[in-house]
Amino acid sequence: MRGYFAGGGGDSTSGSFGEGITFPRKLPRDFNPGHVRYLGKNPMTSRCPGPGRAKRGWMCFYEQSNVNATWCCVYDQNHNDPQIAAYGTRIYWTITGPGSLADGQWVVRAP
């Protein structure tokens, strides 16, 4: 499964902003919820080899744009970090200046 994320903090100069992601299908029971990576400006690892791709059993976030925001967390429904839930996840950034925003692509691949 894959999709896009985007969020922003408007004119605020402090605090945080977030984005919720709902998967179109439930992840299989054997998916490890801790297998998640947010790559920011470092777009490749062995588990997350590039936009549109993820190793089996992993979720990858590929950031495309970022203005005045620092990635913080990927939470499941119980606020475990970094974890995803069977039906989706929440991601958050810390605002570092006005006009903050972050966007990109996510990919999750079943085991």
N, C-alpha and C. Protein backbone atom coordinates (compact mmCIF):
# COMPACT_ATOMS: atom_id res chain seq x y z
N MET A 1 0.85 -1.17 0.00
CA MET A 1 0.00 0.00 0.00
C MET A 1 0.90 1.23 0.00
N ARG A 2 0.40 2.29 -0.59
CA ARG A 2 1.16 3.53 -0.59
C ARG A 2 0.22 4.72 -0.67
N GLY A 3 0.74 5.86 -0.26
CA GLY A 3 -0.05 7.08 -0.28
C GLY A 3 0.83 8.27 0.01
N TYR A 4 0.20 9.38 0.31
CA TYR A 4 0.92 10.63 0.55
C TYR A 4 0.54 11.20 1.91
N PHE A 5 1.45 11.97 2.49
CA PHE A 5 1.18 12.66 3.74
C PHE A 5 1.53 14.13 3.56
N ALA A 6 0.84 14.98 4.31
CA ALA A 6 1.12 16.41 4.29
C ALA A 6 0.55 17.02 5.56
N GLY A 7 1.28 17.95 6.14
CA GLY A 7 0.82 18.64 7.32
C GLY A 7 1.54 19.96 7.45
N GLY A 8 0.96 20.87 8.24
CA GLY A 8 1.59 22.16 8.42
C GLY A 8 1.11 22.85 9.67
N GLY A 9 1.91 23.79 10.16
CA GLY A 9 1.60 24.50 11.38
C GLY A 9 1.16 25.93 11.18
N GLY A 10 0.94 26.35 9.92
CA GLY A 10 0.49 27.71 9.66
C GLY A 10 1.49 28.75 10.10
N ASP A 11 0.99 29.82 10.74
CA ASP A 11 1.86 30.92 11.16
C ASP A 11 2.47 30.72 12.54
N SER A 12 2.16 29.59 13.18
CA SER A 12 2.70 29.33 14.51
C SER A 12 4.23 29.24 14.45
N THR A 13 4.88 29.62 15.53
CA THR A 13 6.35 29.51 15.61
C THR A 13 6.79 28.50 16.66
N SER A 14 5.82 27.81 17.27
CA SER A 14 6.16 26.77 18.25
C SER A 14 5.03 25.75 18.29
N GLY A 15 5.27 24.66 19.00
CA GLY A 15 4.26 23.62 19.11
C GLY A 15 4.54 22.48 18.15
N SER A 16 3.48 21.84 17.70
CA SER A 16 3.63 20.72 16.78
C SER A 16 2.43 20.63 15.85
N PHE A 17 2.57 19.81 14.82
CA PHE A 17 1.44 19.50 13.94
C PHE A 17 1.53 18.03 13.57
N GLY A 18 0.42 17.48 13.14
CA GLY A 18 0.39 16.06 12.85
C GLY A 18 -0.48 15.73 11.65
N GLU A 19 -0.40 14.46 11.27
CA GLU A 19 -1.16 13.94 10.14
C GLU A 19 -1.56 12.51 10.48
N GLY A 20 -2.80 12.16 10.19
CA GLY A 20 -3.26 10.78 10.36
C GLY A 20 -3.26 10.06 9.03
N ILE A 21 -2.90 8.80 9.05
CA ILE A 21 -2.89 7.97 7.84
C ILE A 21 -3.75 6.75 8.11
N THR A 22 -4.74 6.51 7.24
CA THR A 22 -5.58 5.33 7.32
C THR A 22 -5.26 4.44 6.13
N PHE A 23 -4.93 3.20 6.40
CA PHE A 23 -4.63 2.26 5.32
C PHE A 23 -5.92 1.81 4.64
N PRO A 24 -5.88 1.58 3.33
CA PRO A 24 -7.08 1.09 2.64
C PRO A 24 -7.43 -0.35 3.01
N ARG A 25 -6.46 -1.10 3.53
CA ARG A 25 -6.67 -2.48 3.98
C ARG A 25 -5.93 -2.68 5.30
N LYS A 26 -6.42 -3.60 6.09
CA LYS A 26 -5.77 -3.94 7.36
C LYS A 26 -4.46 -4.67 7.09
N LEU A 27 -3.43 -4.35 7.87
CA LEU A 27 -2.16 -5.08 7.77
C LEU A 27 -2.34 -6.50 8.28
N PRO A 28 -1.59 -7.45 7.74
CA PRO A 28 -1.70 -8.82 8.24
C PRO A 28 -1.23 -8.93 9.69
N ARG A 29 -1.73 -9.91 10.37
CA ARG A 29 -1.42 -10.12 11.79
C ARG A 29 0.07 -10.27 12.06
N ASP A 30 0.83 -10.81 11.10
CA ASP A 30 2.26 -11.04 11.33
C ASP A 30 3.13 -9.83 11.03
N PHE A 31 2.53 -8.66 10.72
CA PHE A 31 3.32 -7.45 10.48
C PHE A 31 3.86 -6.95 11.82
N ASN A 32 5.17 -6.69 11.90
CA ASN A 32 5.80 -6.16 13.11
C ASN A 32 5.53 -4.66 13.17
N PRO A 33 4.75 -4.15 14.16
CA PRO A 33 4.38 -2.74 14.19
C PRO A 33 5.56 -1.79 14.40
N GLY A 34 6.71 -2.31 14.84
CA GLY A 34 7.89 -1.48 15.04
C GLY A 34 8.76 -1.35 13.79
N HIS A 35 8.38 -1.99 12.72
CA HIS A 35 9.15 -1.92 11.47
C HIS A 35 8.73 -0.70 10.66
N VAL A 36 9.15 0.47 11.12
CA VAL A 36 8.78 1.73 10.48
C VAL A 36 9.98 2.66 10.48
N ARG A 37 10.18 3.39 9.39
CA ARG A 37 11.29 4.34 9.27
C ARG A 37 10.80 5.63 8.62
N TYR A 38 11.17 6.76 9.21
CA TYR A 38 10.93 8.07 8.61
C TYR A 38 12.28 8.55 8.11
N LEU A 39 12.39 8.76 6.81
CA LEU A 39 13.70 8.99 6.23
C LEU A 39 14.10 10.44 6.07
N GLY A 40 13.20 11.38 6.18
CA GLY A 40 13.59 12.77 6.05
C GLY A 40 14.40 13.00 4.79
N LYS A 41 15.52 13.62 4.92
CA LYS A 41 16.35 13.94 3.74
C LYS A 41 17.35 12.83 3.42
N ASN A 42 17.28 11.71 4.12
CA ASN A 42 18.15 10.56 3.86
C ASN A 42 17.28 9.48 3.22
N PRO A 43 17.11 9.51 1.89
CA PRO A 43 16.05 8.74 1.25
C PRO A 43 16.29 7.25 1.00
N MET A 44 17.37 6.67 1.48
CA MET A 44 17.56 5.25 1.18
C MET A 44 18.22 4.49 2.32
N THR A 45 17.69 3.31 2.61
CA THR A 45 18.30 2.35 3.51
C THR A 45 18.04 0.97 2.90
N SER A 46 18.57 -0.07 3.49
CA SER A 46 18.30 -1.41 2.95
C SER A 46 16.83 -1.77 3.12
N ARG A 47 16.18 -1.26 4.14
CA ARG A 47 14.76 -1.55 4.36
C ARG A 47 13.86 -0.61 3.59
N CYS A 48 14.35 0.56 3.29
CA CYS A 48 13.59 1.58 2.56
C CYS A 48 14.48 2.07 1.42
N PRO A 49 14.49 1.34 0.29
CA PRO A 49 15.45 1.61 -0.78
C PRO A 49 15.13 2.79 -1.70
N GLY A 50 14.04 3.50 -1.48
CA GLY A 50 13.74 4.67 -2.30
C GLY A 50 12.24 4.87 -2.42
N PRO A 51 11.80 6.08 -2.79
CA PRO A 51 10.38 6.38 -2.89
C PRO A 51 9.61 5.32 -3.68
N GLY A 52 8.45 4.97 -3.14
CA GLY A 52 7.61 3.97 -3.77
C GLY A 52 7.98 2.54 -3.41
N ARG A 53 9.01 2.37 -2.58
CA ARG A 53 9.51 1.02 -2.29
C ARG A 53 9.70 0.83 -0.80
N ALA A 54 9.50 -0.41 -0.35
CA ALA A 54 9.77 -0.82 1.03
C ALA A 54 10.06 -2.31 1.02
N LYS A 55 10.99 -2.72 1.86
CA LYS A 55 11.27 -4.15 2.02
C LYS A 55 10.03 -4.81 2.64
N ARG A 56 9.81 -6.08 2.31
CA ARG A 56 8.66 -6.79 2.89
C ARG A 56 8.68 -6.67 4.41
N GLY A 57 7.53 -6.33 4.97
CA GLY A 57 7.40 -6.21 6.42
C GLY A 57 7.79 -4.86 6.98
N TRP A 58 7.91 -3.83 6.14
CA TRP A 58 8.34 -2.50 6.60
C TRP A 58 7.43 -1.40 6.09
N MET A 59 7.35 -0.29 6.86
CA MET A 59 6.69 0.93 6.43
C MET A 59 7.75 2.01 6.34
N CYS A 60 7.77 2.73 5.23
CA CYS A 60 8.76 3.78 5.00
C CYS A 60 8.06 5.10 4.68
N PHE A 61 8.58 6.18 5.26
CA PHE A 61 8.12 7.53 4.96
C PHE A 61 9.25 8.25 4.22
N TYR A 62 8.96 8.76 3.04
CA TYR A 62 9.94 9.49 2.24
C TYR A 62 9.52 10.96 2.19
N GLU A 63 10.22 11.78 2.94
CA GLU A 63 9.90 13.21 2.98
C GLU A 63 10.34 13.89 1.69
N GLN A 64 9.46 14.69 1.13
CA GLN A 64 9.79 15.44 -0.09
C GLN A 64 10.06 16.90 0.22
N SER A 65 9.17 17.53 0.98
CA SER A 65 9.33 18.95 1.33
C SER A 65 9.31 19.09 2.84
N ASN A 66 10.10 20.05 3.34
CA ASN A 66 10.10 20.36 4.75
C ASN A 66 10.53 21.80 4.93
N VAL A 67 9.68 22.57 5.61
CA VAL A 67 9.98 23.96 5.94
C VAL A 67 9.71 24.16 7.42
N ASN A 68 10.72 24.52 8.17
CA ASN A 68 10.59 24.86 9.59
C ASN A 68 9.87 23.79 10.41
N ALA A 69 10.21 22.53 10.16
CA ALA A 69 9.61 21.42 10.91
C ALA A 69 10.66 20.34 11.14
N THR A 70 10.61 19.73 12.31
CA THR A 70 11.49 18.62 12.65
C THR A 70 10.62 17.42 12.97
N TRP A 71 10.86 16.31 12.24
CA TRP A 71 10.05 15.12 12.48
C TRP A 71 10.21 14.67 13.92
N CYS A 72 9.09 14.25 14.49
CA CYS A 72 9.09 13.81 15.89
C CYS A 72 8.80 12.34 16.04
N CYS A 73 7.60 11.92 15.62
CA CYS A 73 7.11 10.64 16.08
C CYS A 73 6.20 9.96 15.06
N VAL A 74 6.14 8.63 15.16
CA VAL A 74 5.17 7.80 14.43
C VAL A 74 4.48 6.96 15.49
N TYR A 75 3.20 7.22 15.73
CA TYR A 75 2.47 6.57 16.81
C TYR A 75 1.43 5.58 16.32
N ASP A 76 1.27 4.48 17.08
CA ASP A 76 0.11 3.62 16.87
C ASP A 76 -1.05 4.17 17.71
N GLN A 77 -2.15 3.42 17.80
CA GLN A 77 -3.33 3.92 18.51
C GLN A 77 -3.10 4.07 20.01
N ASN A 78 -2.06 3.43 20.55
CA ASN A 78 -1.75 3.53 21.98
C ASN A 78 -0.59 4.46 22.27
N HIS A 79 -0.19 5.26 21.29
CA HIS A 79 0.92 6.21 21.39
C HIS A 79 2.27 5.55 21.62
N ASN A 80 2.44 4.32 21.14
CA ASN A 80 3.76 3.69 21.13
C ASN A 80 4.54 4.27 19.96
N ASP A 81 5.80 4.61 20.16
CA ASP A 81 6.63 5.26 19.14
C ASP A 81 7.98 4.55 19.05
N PRO A 82 8.46 4.22 17.89
CA PRO A 82 7.81 4.32 16.58
C PRO A 82 7.06 3.03 16.28
N GLN A 83 5.75 3.12 16.13
CA GLN A 83 4.95 1.96 15.79
C GLN A 83 3.77 2.37 14.94
N ILE A 84 3.29 1.41 14.15
CA ILE A 84 2.09 1.62 13.36
C ILE A 84 1.04 0.61 13.81
N ALA A 85 -0.21 0.89 13.53
CA ALA A 85 -1.30 -0.01 13.88
C ALA A 85 -1.79 -0.74 12.63
N ALA A 86 -2.64 -1.70 12.82
CA ALA A 86 -3.13 -2.51 11.70
C ALA A 86 -3.88 -1.70 10.65
N TYR A 87 -4.53 -0.61 11.07
CA TYR A 87 -5.33 0.20 10.13
C TYR A 87 -4.73 1.56 9.81
N GLY A 88 -3.57 1.89 10.39
CA GLY A 88 -2.98 3.19 10.09
C GLY A 88 -2.02 3.67 11.16
N THR A 89 -1.72 4.96 11.11
CA THR A 89 -0.76 5.53 12.04
C THR A 89 -0.95 7.04 12.13
N ARG A 90 -0.22 7.66 13.04
CA ARG A 90 -0.19 9.13 13.18
C ARG A 90 1.26 9.55 13.16
N ILE A 91 1.54 10.64 12.46
CA ILE A 91 2.91 11.17 12.44
C ILE A 91 2.87 12.63 12.88
N TYR A 92 3.93 13.06 13.57
CA TYR A 92 3.99 14.41 14.13
C TYR A 92 5.35 15.05 13.86
N TRP A 93 5.33 16.37 13.78
CA TRP A 93 6.53 17.19 13.63
C TRP A 93 6.51 18.28 14.69
N THR A 94 7.68 18.76 15.08
CA THR A 94 7.82 19.92 15.95
C THR A 94 8.03 21.14 15.08
N ILE A 95 7.32 22.22 15.37
CA ILE A 95 7.43 23.46 14.61
C ILE A 95 8.67 24.22 15.05
N THR A 96 9.46 24.66 14.08
CA THR A 96 10.68 25.42 14.40
C THR A 96 10.64 26.85 13.86
N GLY A 97 9.55 27.23 13.18
CA GLY A 97 9.41 28.58 12.66
C GLY A 97 8.10 28.73 11.91
N PRO A 98 7.77 29.97 11.51
CA PRO A 98 6.50 30.21 10.81
C PRO A 98 6.47 29.56 9.43
N GLY A 99 5.27 29.26 8.97
CA GLY A 99 5.11 28.66 7.65
C GLY A 99 5.56 27.21 7.59
N SER A 100 5.53 26.52 8.72
CA SER A 100 6.04 25.14 8.78
C SER A 100 5.15 24.18 7.99
N LEU A 101 5.81 23.22 7.34
CA LEU A 101 5.10 22.18 6.60
C LEU A 101 6.03 21.02 6.34
N ALA A 102 5.44 19.87 6.08
CA ALA A 102 6.19 18.68 5.66
C ALA A 102 5.26 17.83 4.82
N ASP A 103 5.80 17.22 3.78
CA ASP A 103 5.00 16.32 2.96
C ASP A 103 5.89 15.28 2.31
N GLY A 104 5.26 14.26 1.76
CA GLY A 104 6.00 13.20 1.10
C GLY A 104 5.13 12.00 0.83
N GLN A 105 5.78 10.85 0.68
CA GLN A 105 5.09 9.61 0.34
C GLN A 105 5.34 8.56 1.41
N TRP A 106 4.35 7.74 1.68
CA TRP A 106 4.53 6.57 2.55
C TRP A 106 4.28 5.31 1.75
N VAL A 107 4.96 4.23 2.18
CA VAL A 107 4.82 2.92 1.57
C VAL A 107 4.83 1.89 2.69
N VAL A 108 3.91 0.95 2.67
CA VAL A 108 3.93 -0.16 3.62
C VAL A 108 3.77 -1.44 2.80
N ARG A 109 4.63 -2.41 3.12
CA ARG A 109 4.62 -3.67 2.36
C ARG A 109 4.48 -4.84 3.32
N ALA A 110 3.49 -5.65 3.09
CA ALA A 110 3.22 -6.79 3.96
C ALA A 110 4.36 -7.81 3.89
N PRO A 111 4.54 -8.58 4.98
CA PRO A 111 5.57 -9.61 4.99
C PRO A 111 5.30 -10.72 3.99
